[in-house]
Amino acid sequence: MIAGLPLDFIERFERLCPPSLLADAAASFTQDKSVSFRLNRLHPKHLETLASLDQLGIGYQPVDWAHEQGIMAYTVAATQREQLTHSLPAATGELYIQSLSSMLAPLLLAPQSDEWVLDLAAAPGGKTILMAEMMKNGGKISAVEPVKNRFFRLQANLERLGVTNTKTYMKDGRAIGTLKPDTFDRVMLDAPCSSESRFDAHDPESVEHWSLRKVAECSKKQKRLILSGFDALKTGGIMMYCTCSFSPEENEIPLSDLLKKRPNAHVLPITLDLCNLSEGLTEWEGKALDPRCALSRRVWPNAQMDGFFLALIQKT
């Protein structure tokens, strides 16, 4: 049992997590995790960044799987978190501190430099920035964020990191599918969720907002967002639906609801060379879900990675 976390959450987490991954996943809620960052290839001095970190005495290790995919990602010991966060390369946008799990979503969506991409619920902008980098600041990104303070944080981050192909909109993402139907080549939807992967057993504030009622409220919003994002796709377009929650109500259930309501929605297989993954569920609490939900993936937390849910969907 994971002391310090809600009993309802623990019971569900232990039911969901594969037994072979449970020990590492449970331990992740009580340990000081390493910090991950990536070099910002949009910054003209990004190749000098590692030398700057050497001068500051910040030790870093490359993340092999990320480098193999073209993302210059590294990890730093938890004891150097503050030093990295307040370093000059972080302040000037030469690097961006971001969860490794969060980097997976743009990597799988694979936006191209001649495409128009929609990023729903985009703040604080980590995925937007990585997509702009992958697109070499080509094409167009429309980044939507409805919450005022988060919207301005998004704008500040985009400017600091040198993103020039993105326009920002303070709008409710649930309306975009109606306002801009059949428009975008790709859609990124990192849906607002109960943030279960950010729980810290040593920090009561990290869990005080959580309840099964909160999960249900998030699920209701997510069902509308995933429909909106899908409707905004062009035929042939691809959407990434992801959350940092473990709850099926926030993951497979909105996905299954989309597949039921949109017959032209198809789930694409996800290939990742990681050992901390499990297939999506096809049943929960005695209720059958669309069998294609098995093609989604749940990333289980460990000493380096946070929990995450990933689903790739194509409009045909």
C-alpha atoms as a PDB file:
ATOM      1  CA  MET A   1       0.000   0.000   0.000  1.00  0.00           C
ATOM      2  CA  ILE A   2       1.188   3.544  -0.792  1.00  0.00           C
ATOM      3  CA  ALA A   3       0.950   5.532   2.436  1.00  0.00           C
ATOM      4  CA  GLY A   4      -0.160   9.139   2.089  1.00  0.00           C
ATOM      5  CA  LEU A   5      -2.419   8.699  -0.944  1.00  0.00           C
ATOM      6  CA  PRO A   6      -6.252   8.383  -1.005  1.00  0.00           C
ATOM      7  CA  LEU A   7      -7.447   4.838  -0.339  1.00  0.00           C
ATOM      8  CA  ASP A   8      -9.828   4.912  -3.317  1.00  0.00           C
ATOM      9  CA  PHE A   9      -6.941   5.854  -5.587  1.00  0.00           C
ATOM     10  CA  ILE A  10      -4.639   3.148  -4.186  1.00  0.00           C
ATOM     11  CA  GLU A  11      -7.265   0.425  -4.624  1.00  0.00           C
ATOM     12  CA  ARG A  12      -7.881   1.374  -8.255  1.00  0.00           C
ATOM     13  CA  PHE A  13      -4.185   1.853  -9.021  1.00  0.00           C
ATOM     14  CA  GLU A  14      -3.318  -1.617  -7.736  1.00  0.00           C
ATOM     15  CA  ARG A  15      -6.115  -3.125  -9.835  1.00  0.00           C
ATOM     16  CA  LEU A  16      -4.964  -1.369 -12.981  1.00  0.00           C
ATOM     17  CA  CYS A  17      -1.195  -1.742 -12.791  1.00  0.00           C
ATOM     18  CA  PRO A  18       0.375  -4.955 -14.150  1.00  0.00           C
ATOM     19  CA  PRO A  19       1.888  -6.941 -11.224  1.00  0.00           C
ATOM     20  CA  SER A  20       5.340  -6.917 -12.824  1.00  0.00           C
ATOM     21  CA  LEU A  21       5.369  -3.087 -12.844  1.00  0.00           C
ATOM     22  CA  LEU A  22       3.577  -2.421  -9.551  1.00  0.00           C
ATOM     23  CA  ALA A  23       6.588  -2.221  -7.213  1.00  0.00           C
ATOM     24  CA  ASP A  24       8.406   0.405  -9.299  1.00  0.00           C
ATOM     25  CA  ALA A  25       5.179   2.286 -10.019  1.00  0.00           C
ATOM     26  CA  ALA A  26       4.194   2.432  -6.344  1.00  0.00           C
ATOM     27  CA  ALA A  27       7.681   3.494  -5.278  1.00  0.00           C
ATOM     28  CA  SER A  28       7.564   6.420  -7.721  1.00  0.00           C
ATOM     29  CA  PHE A  29       5.051   8.252  -5.519  1.00  0.00           C
ATOM     30  CA  THR A  30       7.490   8.411  -2.601  1.00  0.00           C
ATOM     31  CA  GLN A  31      10.889   8.896  -4.268  1.00  0.00           C
ATOM     32  CA  ASP A  32      12.654  12.005  -5.512  1.00  0.00           C
ATOM     33  CA  LYS A  33      12.608  11.526  -9.269  1.00  0.00           C
ATOM     34  CA  SER A  34      15.277  12.635 -11.662  1.00  0.00           C
ATOM     35  CA  VAL A  35      14.469  15.761 -13.671  1.00  0.00           C
ATOM     36  CA  SER A  36      14.221  15.578 -17.456  1.00  0.00           C
ATOM     37  CA  PHE A  37      14.846  18.320 -19.970  1.00  0.00           C
ATOM     38  CA  ARG A  38      15.442  18.660 -23.676  1.00  0.00           C
ATOM     39  CA  LEU A  39      17.563  21.009 -25.708  1.00  0.00           C
ATOM     40  CA  ASN A  40      15.515  23.479 -27.706  1.00  0.00           C
ATOM     41  CA  ARG A  41      16.672  23.130 -31.296  1.00  0.00           C
ATOM     42  CA  LEU A  42      14.850  26.366 -32.192  1.00  0.00           C
ATOM     43  CA  HIS A  43      17.404  28.293 -30.111  1.00  0.00           C
ATOM     44  CA  PRO A  44      20.552  29.269 -32.053  1.00  0.00           C
ATOM     45  CA  LYS A  45      22.804  28.437 -29.084  1.00  0.00           C
ATOM     46  CA  HIS A  46      21.306  25.056 -28.165  1.00  0.00           C
ATOM     47  CA  LEU A  47      24.472  23.189 -29.157  1.00  0.00           C
ATOM     48  CA  GLU A  48      26.401  25.206 -26.551  1.00  0.00           C
ATOM     49  CA  THR A  49      23.965  24.383 -23.750  1.00  0.00           C
ATOM     50  CA  LEU A  50      25.602  21.224 -22.453  1.00  0.00           C
ATOM     51  CA  ALA A  51      28.928  23.041 -22.113  1.00  0.00           C
ATOM     52  CA  SER A  52      27.130  25.710 -20.070  1.00  0.00           C
ATOM     53  CA  LEU A  53      25.684  23.026 -17.786  1.00  0.00           C
ATOM     54  CA  ASP A  54      29.172  21.522 -17.400  1.00  0.00           C
ATOM     55  CA  GLN A  55      30.466  24.893 -16.229  1.00  0.00           C
ATOM     56  CA  LEU A  56      27.656  25.077 -13.676  1.00  0.00           C
ATOM     57  CA  GLY A  57      28.509  21.605 -12.368  1.00  0.00           C
ATOM     58  CA  ILE A  58      25.142  20.174 -13.410  1.00  0.00           C
ATOM     59  CA  GLY A  59      25.511  16.494 -14.278  1.00  0.00           C
ATOM     60  CA  TYR A  60      23.252  15.061 -16.976  1.00  0.00           C
ATOM     61  CA  GLN A  61      22.632  11.753 -18.680  1.00  0.00           C
ATOM     62  CA  PRO A  62      21.241  11.300 -22.209  1.00  0.00           C
ATOM     63  CA  VAL A  63      17.938   9.485 -22.671  1.00  0.00           C
ATOM     64  CA  ASP A  64      18.787   6.926 -25.333  1.00  0.00           C
ATOM     65  CA  TRP A  65      15.294   6.228 -26.684  1.00  0.00           C
ATOM     66  CA  ALA A  66      14.604   9.957 -27.073  1.00  0.00           C
ATOM     67  CA  HIS A  67      17.865  10.603 -28.926  1.00  0.00           C
ATOM     68  CA  GLU A  68      17.072   7.719 -31.256  1.00  0.00           C
ATOM     69  CA  GLN A  69      13.866   9.581 -32.146  1.00  0.00           C
ATOM     70  CA  GLY A  70      15.590  12.931 -32.653  1.00  0.00           C
ATOM     71  CA  ILE A  71      14.699  14.484 -29.286  1.00  0.00           C
ATOM     72  CA  MET A  72      17.783  15.744 -27.428  1.00  0.00           C
ATOM     73  CA  ALA A  73      16.547  14.734 -23.962  1.00  0.00           C
ATOM     74  CA  TYR A  74      18.567  14.335 -20.768  1.00  0.00           C
ATOM     75  CA  THR A  75      18.001  13.662 -17.078  1.00  0.00           C
ATOM     76  CA  VAL A  76      19.472  15.363 -14.038  1.00  0.00           C
ATOM     77  CA  ALA A  77      19.552  14.063 -10.455  1.00  0.00           C
ATOM     78  CA  ALA A  78      16.696  15.261  -8.248  1.00  0.00           C
ATOM     79  CA  THR A  79      19.219  17.050  -5.998  1.00  0.00           C
ATOM     80  CA  GLN A  80      20.040  19.439  -8.860  1.00  0.00           C
ATOM     81  CA  ARG A  81      16.438  20.276  -9.747  1.00  0.00           C
ATOM     82  CA  GLU A  82      16.554  23.821  -8.374  1.00  0.00           C
ATOM     83  CA  GLN A  83      19.943  24.549  -9.912  1.00  0.00           C
ATOM     84  CA  LEU A  84      18.731  23.440 -13.342  1.00  0.00           C
ATOM     85  CA  THR A  85      15.392  25.246 -13.037  1.00  0.00           C
ATOM     86  CA  HIS A  86      17.071  28.561 -12.198  1.00  0.00           C
ATOM     87  CA  SER A  87      19.980  28.202 -14.616  1.00  0.00           C
ATOM     88  CA  LEU A  88      20.627  30.693 -17.406  1.00  0.00           C
ATOM     89  CA  PRO A  89      20.010  28.108 -20.197  1.00  0.00           C
ATOM     90  CA  ALA A  90      16.546  27.441 -18.743  1.00  0.00           C
ATOM     91  CA  ALA A  91      15.794  31.164 -18.457  1.00  0.00           C
ATOM     92  CA  THR A  92      16.880  31.954 -22.018  1.00  0.00           C
ATOM     93  CA  GLY A  93      15.032  29.043 -23.626  1.00  0.00           C
ATOM     94  CA  GLU A  94      18.076  26.998 -24.628  1.00  0.00           C
ATOM     95  CA  LEU A  95      16.494  24.080 -22.789  1.00  0.00           C
ATOM     96  CA  TYR A  96      13.009  23.185 -21.614  1.00  0.00           C
ATOM     97  CA  ILE A  97      12.271  21.125 -18.519  1.00  0.00           C
ATOM     98  CA  GLN A  98       9.625  18.566 -19.432  1.00  0.00           C
ATOM     99  CA  SER A  99       8.465  15.129 -18.327  1.00  0.00           C
ATOM    100  CA  LEU A 100       9.772  12.332 -20.537  1.00  0.00           C
ATOM    101  CA  SER A 101       6.266  10.897 -20.711  1.00  0.00           C
ATOM    102  CA  SER A 102       4.958  14.216 -21.999  1.00  0.00           C
ATOM    103  CA  MET A 103       7.521  14.148 -24.828  1.00  0.00           C
ATOM    104  CA  LEU A 104       6.007  10.903 -26.117  1.00  0.00           C
ATOM    105  CA  ALA A 105       2.770  12.547 -27.280  1.00  0.00           C
ATOM    106  CA  PRO A 106       4.314  14.893 -29.919  1.00  0.00           C
ATOM    107  CA  LEU A 107       6.748  12.151 -30.918  1.00  0.00           C
ATOM    108  CA  LEU A 108       3.865   9.798 -31.746  1.00  0.00           C
ATOM    109  CA  LEU A 109       1.694  12.477 -33.372  1.00  0.00           C
ATOM    110  CA  ALA A 110       4.653  13.343 -35.658  1.00  0.00           C
ATOM    111  CA  PRO A 111       3.530  16.735 -37.048  1.00  0.00           C
ATOM    112  CA  GLN A 112       5.069  17.748 -40.393  1.00  0.00           C
ATOM    113  CA  SER A 113       6.461  21.126 -41.431  1.00  0.00           C
ATOM    114  CA  ASP A 114       3.761  21.699 -44.070  1.00  0.00           C
ATOM    115  CA  GLU A 115       0.756  20.907 -41.852  1.00  0.00           C
ATOM    116  CA  TRP A 116      -1.789  22.818 -39.780  1.00  0.00           C
ATOM    117  CA  VAL A 117      -1.898  21.492 -36.229  1.00  0.00           C
ATOM    118  CA  LEU A 118      -4.447  22.184 -33.497  1.00  0.00           C
ATOM    119  CA  ASP A 119      -3.297  22.006 -29.871  1.00  0.00           C
ATOM    120  CA  LEU A 120      -6.297  21.964 -27.536  1.00  0.00           C
ATOM    121  CA  ALA A 121      -5.790  22.814 -23.849  1.00  0.00           C
ATOM    122  CA  ALA A 122      -2.233  23.792 -24.800  1.00  0.00           C
ATOM    123  CA  ALA A 123      -0.860  25.482 -21.643  1.00  0.00           C
ATOM    124  CA  PRO A 124       1.808  25.594 -20.397  1.00  0.00           C
ATOM    125  CA  GLY A 125       3.050  24.818 -23.898  1.00  0.00           C
ATOM    126  CA  GLY A 126       5.609  22.018 -23.593  1.00  0.00           C
ATOM    127  CA  LYS A 127       4.000  19.886 -26.287  1.00  0.00           C
ATOM    128  CA  THR A 128       3.318  22.934 -28.477  1.00  0.00           C
ATOM    129  CA  ILE A 129       6.983  23.904 -28.320  1.00  0.00           C
ATOM    130  CA  LEU A 130       8.192  20.393 -29.120  1.00  0.00           C
ATOM    131  CA  MET A 131       5.808  20.179 -32.084  1.00  0.00           C
ATOM    132  CA  ALA A 132       7.058  23.565 -33.362  1.00  0.00           C
ATOM    133  CA  GLU A 133      10.607  22.249 -33.031  1.00  0.00           C
ATOM    134  CA  MET A 134       9.731  19.054 -34.923  1.00  0.00           C
ATOM    135  CA  MET A 135       8.107  21.207 -37.623  1.00  0.00           C
ATOM    136  CA  LYS A 136      11.193  23.500 -37.747  1.00  0.00           C
ATOM    137  CA  ASN A 137       8.825  26.416 -37.125  1.00  0.00           C
ATOM    138  CA  GLY A 138       7.136  25.606 -40.447  1.00  0.00           C
ATOM    139  CA  GLY A 139       3.452  25.012 -41.076  1.00  0.00           C
ATOM    140  CA  LYS A 140       0.954  26.390 -38.576  1.00  0.00           C
ATOM    141  CA  ILE A 141      -0.059  25.569 -35.017  1.00  0.00           C
ATOM    142  CA  SER A 142      -3.232  26.919 -33.438  1.00  0.00           C
ATOM    143  CA  ALA A 143      -2.864  26.668 -29.649  1.00  0.00           C
ATOM    144  CA  VAL A 144      -6.078  26.932 -27.647  1.00  0.00           C
ATOM    145  CA  GLU A 145      -6.241  27.543 -23.891  1.00  0.00           C
ATOM    146  CA  PRO A 146      -9.389  28.783 -22.076  1.00  0.00           C
ATOM    147  CA  VAL A 147      -7.931  29.656 -18.640  1.00  0.00           C
ATOM    148  CA  LYS A 148      -6.651  33.249 -18.563  1.00  0.00           C
ATOM    149  CA  ASN A 149      -3.544  32.892 -16.382  1.00  0.00           C
ATOM    150  CA  ARG A 150      -2.534  29.667 -18.128  1.00  0.00           C
ATOM    151  CA  PHE A 151      -3.083  31.328 -21.510  1.00  0.00           C
ATOM    152  CA  PHE A 152      -0.605  34.110 -20.725  1.00  0.00           C
ATOM    153  CA  ARG A 153       1.885  31.581 -19.363  1.00  0.00           C
ATOM    154  CA  LEU A 154       1.552  29.691 -22.656  1.00  0.00           C
ATOM    155  CA  GLN A 155       2.261  32.849 -24.648  1.00  0.00           C
ATOM    156  CA  ALA A 156       5.310  33.676 -22.525  1.00  0.00           C
ATOM    157  CA  ASN A 157       6.765  30.204 -22.929  1.00  0.00           C
ATOM    158  CA  LEU A 158       6.275  30.214 -26.706  1.00  0.00           C
ATOM    159  CA  GLU A 159       8.010  33.572 -27.005  1.00  0.00           C
ATOM    160  CA  ARG A 160      10.902  32.573 -24.719  1.00  0.00           C
ATOM    161  CA  LEU A 161      11.517  29.336 -26.640  1.00  0.00           C
ATOM    162  CA  GLY A 162      11.504  31.052 -30.047  1.00  0.00           C
ATOM    163  CA  VAL A 163       8.280  29.569 -31.452  1.00  0.00           C
ATOM    164  CA  THR A 164       7.093  31.577 -34.467  1.00  0.00           C
ATOM    165  CA  ASN A 165       4.633  29.253 -36.259  1.00  0.00           C
ATOM    166  CA  THR A 166       1.976  29.319 -33.516  1.00  0.00           C
ATOM    167  CA  LYS A 167      -1.049  31.538 -32.916  1.00  0.00           C
ATOM    168  CA  THR A 168      -2.762  31.402 -29.524  1.00  0.00           C
ATOM    169  CA  TYR A 169      -6.492  31.592 -28.792  1.00  0.00           C
ATOM    170  CA  MET A 170      -8.238  32.006 -25.454  1.00  0.00           C
ATOM    171  CA  LYS A 171     -11.200  29.754 -26.212  1.00  0.00           C
ATOM    172  CA  ASP A 172     -12.984  26.723 -24.818  1.00  0.00           C
ATOM    173  CA  GLY A 173     -11.691  23.703 -26.730  1.00  0.00           C
ATOM    174  CA  ARG A 174     -15.128  22.080 -26.622  1.00  0.00           C
ATOM    175  CA  ALA A 175     -16.332  24.617 -29.212  1.00  0.00           C
ATOM    176  CA  ILE A 176     -13.528  24.239 -31.762  1.00  0.00           C
ATOM    177  CA  GLY A 177     -14.977  21.212 -33.559  1.00  0.00           C
ATOM    178  CA  THR A 178     -18.083  23.249 -34.377  1.00  0.00           C
ATOM    179  CA  LEU A 179     -16.206  26.455 -35.202  1.00  0.00           C
ATOM    180  CA  LYS A 180     -13.514  24.816 -37.367  1.00  0.00           C
ATOM    181  CA  PRO A 181     -14.799  21.452 -38.626  1.00  0.00           C
ATOM    182  CA  ASP A 182     -12.667  19.279 -40.948  1.00  0.00           C
ATOM    183  CA  THR A 183      -9.795  21.790 -40.813  1.00  0.00           C
ATOM    184  CA  PHE A 184      -6.620  20.445 -39.199  1.00  0.00           C
ATOM    185  CA  ASP A 185      -4.085  17.860 -40.359  1.00  0.00           C
ATOM    186  CA  ARG A 186      -3.302  16.855 -36.780  1.00  0.00           C
ATOM    187  CA  VAL A 187      -4.755  17.526 -33.344  1.00  0.00           C
ATOM    188  CA  MET A 188      -3.003  17.336 -29.996  1.00  0.00           C
ATOM    189  CA  LEU A 189      -5.374  16.943 -27.050  1.00  0.00           C
ATOM    190  CA  ASP A 190      -3.630  16.651 -23.710  1.00  0.00           C
ATOM    191  CA  ALA A 191      -6.955  16.729 -21.901  1.00  0.00           C
ATOM    192  CA  PRO A 192      -7.419  18.448 -18.531  1.00  0.00           C
ATOM    193  CA  CYS A 193      -7.538  15.638 -15.991  1.00  0.00           C
ATOM    194  CA  SER A 194      -7.323  14.740 -12.315  1.00  0.00           C
ATOM    195  CA  SER A 195      -3.492  14.724 -12.589  1.00  0.00           C
ATOM    196  CA  GLU A 196      -3.054  11.425 -10.779  1.00  0.00           C
ATOM    197  CA  SER A 197       0.472  10.943 -12.112  1.00  0.00           C
ATOM    198  CA  ARG A 198       1.580  14.076 -10.245  1.00  0.00           C
ATOM    199  CA  PHE A 199       0.667  12.725  -6.835  1.00  0.00           C
ATOM    200  CA  ASP A 200       3.432  12.948  -4.226  1.00  0.00           C
ATOM    201  CA  ALA A 201       2.891  10.914  -1.068  1.00  0.00           C
ATOM    202  CA  HIS A 202       5.016  13.474   0.837  1.00  0.00           C
ATOM    203  CA  ASP A 203       2.920  16.443  -0.347  1.00  0.00           C
ATOM    204  CA  PRO A 204      -0.693  16.440   0.909  1.00  0.00           C
ATOM    205  CA  GLU A 205      -1.551  19.355  -1.407  1.00  0.00           C
ATOM    206  CA  SER A 206      -0.866  17.187  -4.457  1.00  0.00           C
ATOM    207  CA  VAL A 207      -3.827  14.943  -3.618  1.00  0.00           C
ATOM    208  CA  GLU A 208      -6.230  17.223  -1.755  1.00  0.00           C
ATOM    209  CA  HIS A 209      -8.224  18.027  -4.925  1.00  0.00           C
ATOM    210  CA  TRP A 210      -8.695  14.372  -5.895  1.00  0.00           C
ATOM    211  CA  SER A 211     -11.875  12.358  -5.462  1.00  0.00           C
ATOM    212  CA  LEU A 212     -13.923   9.908  -7.504  1.00  0.00           C
ATOM    213  CA  ARG A 213     -16.331  12.789  -8.077  1.00  0.00           C
ATOM    214  CA  LYS A 214     -13.475  14.860  -9.542  1.00  0.00           C
ATOM    215  CA  VAL A 215     -12.598  11.955 -11.844  1.00  0.00           C
ATOM    216  CA  ALA A 216     -16.212  11.782 -13.040  1.00  0.00           C
ATOM    217  CA  GLU A 217     -16.288  15.556 -13.661  1.00  0.00           C
ATOM    218  CA  CYS A 218     -13.098  15.348 -15.706  1.00  0.00           C
ATOM    219  CA  SER A 219     -14.491  12.443 -17.710  1.00  0.00           C
ATOM    220  CA  LYS A 220     -17.557  14.461 -18.685  1.00  0.00           C
ATOM    221  CA  LYS A 221     -15.403  17.328 -19.972  1.00  0.00           C
ATOM    222  CA  GLN A 222     -12.990  14.961 -21.732  1.00  0.00           C
ATOM    223  CA  LYS A 223     -15.804  13.287 -23.666  1.00  0.00           C
ATOM    224  CA  ARG A 224     -16.766  16.641 -25.130  1.00  0.00           C
ATOM    225  CA  LEU A 225     -13.172  17.664 -25.834  1.00  0.00           C
ATOM    226  CA  ILE A 226     -12.277  14.465 -27.674  1.00  0.00           C
ATOM    227  CA  LEU A 227     -15.365  14.820 -29.880  1.00  0.00           C
ATOM    228  CA  SER A 228     -14.469  18.456 -30.586  1.00  0.00           C
ATOM    229  CA  GLY A 229     -10.884  17.609 -31.448  1.00  0.00           C
ATOM    230  CA  PHE A 230     -11.941  14.777 -33.735  1.00  0.00           C
ATOM    231  CA  ASP A 231     -14.536  16.897 -35.527  1.00  0.00           C
ATOM    232  CA  ALA A 232     -11.851  19.541 -36.183  1.00  0.00           C
ATOM    233  CA  LEU A 233      -9.703  16.973 -38.044  1.00  0.00           C
ATOM    234  CA  LYS A 234      -9.565  16.721 -41.812  1.00  0.00           C
ATOM    235  CA  THR A 235     -10.384  13.348 -43.330  1.00  0.00           C
ATOM    236  CA  GLY A 236      -7.192  11.335 -43.027  1.00  0.00           C
ATOM    237  CA  GLY A 237      -6.009  13.490 -40.133  1.00  0.00           C
ATOM    238  CA  ILE A 238      -4.634  12.110 -36.867  1.00  0.00           C
ATOM    239  CA  MET A 239      -5.326  13.081 -33.262  1.00  0.00           C
ATOM    240  CA  MET A 240      -3.335  12.319 -30.145  1.00  0.00           C
ATOM    241  CA  TYR A 241      -5.522  11.963 -27.052  1.00  0.00           C
ATOM    242  CA  CYS A 242      -3.538  11.833 -23.825  1.00  0.00           C
ATOM    243  CA  THR A 243      -3.813  12.489 -20.097  1.00  0.00           C
ATOM    244  CA  CYS A 244      -1.607  12.282 -17.018  1.00  0.00           C
ATOM    245  CA  SER A 245      -4.254  10.215 -15.226  1.00  0.00           C
ATOM    246  CA  PHE A 246      -4.592   6.474 -14.668  1.00  0.00           C
ATOM    247  CA  SER A 247      -8.388   6.365 -14.294  1.00  0.00           C
ATOM    248  CA  PRO A 248     -10.235   4.542 -17.118  1.00  0.00           C
ATOM    249  CA  GLU A 249     -13.021   7.121 -16.788  1.00  0.00           C
ATOM    250  CA  GLU A 250     -10.543   9.701 -18.132  1.00  0.00           C
ATOM    251  CA  ASN A 251      -8.819   7.492 -20.686  1.00  0.00           C
ATOM    252  CA  GLU A 252     -10.473   4.478 -22.324  1.00  0.00           C
ATOM    253  CA  ILE A 253     -14.022   5.577 -21.544  1.00  0.00           C
ATOM    254  CA  PRO A 254     -13.832   8.900 -23.485  1.00  0.00           C
ATOM    255  CA  LEU A 255     -12.023   7.011 -26.260  1.00  0.00           C
ATOM    256  CA  SER A 256     -14.697   4.312 -26.364  1.00  0.00           C
ATOM    257  CA  ASP A 257     -17.404   6.997 -26.353  1.00  0.00           C
ATOM    258  CA  LEU A 258     -15.776   8.661 -29.372  1.00  0.00           C
ATOM    259  CA  LEU A 259     -15.580   5.360 -31.267  1.00  0.00           C
ATOM    260  CA  LYS A 260     -19.276   4.776 -30.600  1.00  0.00           C
ATOM    261  CA  LYS A 261     -20.385   8.247 -31.717  1.00  0.00           C
ATOM    262  CA  ARG A 262     -18.015   8.667 -34.681  1.00  0.00           C
ATOM    263  CA  PRO A 263     -17.960   5.541 -36.896  1.00  0.00           C
ATOM    264  CA  ASN A 264     -15.150   7.069 -38.995  1.00  0.00           C
ATOM    265  CA  ALA A 265     -12.800   7.152 -35.976  1.00  0.00           C
ATOM    266  CA  HIS A 266     -10.114   4.475 -35.917  1.00  0.00           C
ATOM    267  CA  VAL A 267      -7.452   3.794 -33.293  1.00  0.00           C
ATOM    268  CA  LEU A 268      -3.927   3.414 -34.624  1.00  0.00           C
ATOM    269  CA  PRO A 269      -1.352   1.071 -33.079  1.00  0.00           C
ATOM    270  CA  ILE A 270       1.368   2.632 -30.920  1.00  0.00           C
ATOM    271  CA  THR A 271       4.921   1.333 -31.085  1.00  0.00           C
ATOM    272  CA  LEU A 272       7.267   2.374 -28.281  1.00  0.00           C
ATOM    273  CA  ASP A 273      10.439   0.628 -27.183  1.00  0.00           C
ATOM    274  CA  LEU A 274       9.709   1.014 -23.473  1.00  0.00           C
ATOM    275  CA  CYS A 275       9.235  -1.663 -20.822  1.00  0.00           C
ATOM    276  CA  ASN A 276       6.833   0.289 -18.558  1.00  0.00           C
ATOM    277  CA  LEU A 277       3.752   0.080 -20.809  1.00  0.00           C
ATOM    278  CA  SER A 278       0.451  -1.772 -20.764  1.00  0.00           C
ATOM    279  CA  GLU A 279      -2.363  -2.083 -23.289  1.00  0.00           C
ATOM    280  CA  GLY A 280      -5.543  -0.107 -22.952  1.00  0.00           C
ATOM    281  CA  LEU A 281      -8.483  -1.710 -21.181  1.00  0.00           C
ATOM    282  CA  THR A 282     -11.437  -3.230 -23.000  1.00  0.00           C
ATOM    283  CA  GLU A 283     -13.568  -3.582 -19.835  1.00  0.00           C
ATOM    284  CA  TRP A 284     -13.952  -1.627 -16.610  1.00  0.00           C
ATOM    285  CA  GLU A 285     -16.242  -2.102 -13.616  1.00  0.00           C
ATOM    286  CA  GLY A 286     -18.128  -4.844 -15.481  1.00  0.00           C
ATOM    287  CA  LYS A 287     -18.809  -2.642 -18.509  1.00  0.00           C
ATOM    288  CA  ALA A 288     -17.434  -3.601 -21.921  1.00  0.00           C
ATOM    289  CA  LEU A 289     -15.517  -0.933 -23.837  1.00  0.00           C
ATOM    290  CA  ASP A 290     -14.724  -0.796 -27.542  1.00  0.00           C
ATOM    291  CA  PRO A 291     -12.151  -3.557 -28.141  1.00  0.00           C
ATOM    292  CA  ARG A 292     -10.031  -1.116 -30.156  1.00  0.00           C
ATOM    293  CA  CYS A 293      -9.165   0.630 -26.889  1.00  0.00           C
ATOM    294  CA  ALA A 294      -6.560  -2.122 -26.463  1.00  0.00           C
ATOM    295  CA  LEU A 295      -4.439  -0.283 -29.037  1.00  0.00           C
ATOM    296  CA  SER A 296      -3.974   2.628 -26.621  1.00  0.00           C
ATOM    297  CA  ARG A 297      -1.123   2.579 -24.118  1.00  0.00           C
ATOM    298  CA  ARG A 298      -0.736   3.379 -20.441  1.00  0.00           C
ATOM    299  CA  VAL A 299       2.747   4.488 -19.347  1.00  0.00           C
ATOM    300  CA  TRP A 300       3.434   3.395 -15.775  1.00  0.00           C
ATOM    301  CA  PRO A 301       5.561   5.621 -13.535  1.00  0.00           C
ATOM    302  CA  ASN A 302       9.047   4.688 -12.389  1.00  0.00           C
ATOM    303  CA  ALA A 303      12.182   6.474 -11.168  1.00  0.00           C
ATOM    304  CA  GLN A 304      12.504   8.381 -14.473  1.00  0.00           C
ATOM    305  CA  MET A 305       9.023   8.629 -15.967  1.00  0.00           C
ATOM    306  CA  ASP A 306       5.606   9.863 -14.882  1.00  0.00           C
ATOM    307  CA  GLY A 307       2.387   8.037 -15.603  1.00  0.00           C
ATOM    308  CA  PHE A 308       0.613   8.828 -18.870  1.00  0.00           C
ATOM    309  CA  PHE A 309      -2.102   7.604 -21.234  1.00  0.00           C
ATOM    310  CA  LEU A 310      -1.712   7.735 -25.026  1.00  0.00           C
ATOM    311  CA  ALA A 311      -4.159   7.049 -27.874  1.00  0.00           C
ATOM    312  CA  LEU A 312      -3.688   7.795 -31.576  1.00  0.00           C
ATOM    313  CA  ILE A 313      -6.918   8.254 -33.551  1.00  0.00           C
ATOM    314  CA  GLN A 314      -7.399   8.727 -37.305  1.00  0.00           C
ATOM    315  CA  LYS A 315     -10.403  10.131 -39.145  1.00  0.00           C
ATOM    316  CA  THR A 316     -11.182   8.050 -42.232  1.00  0.00           C
END
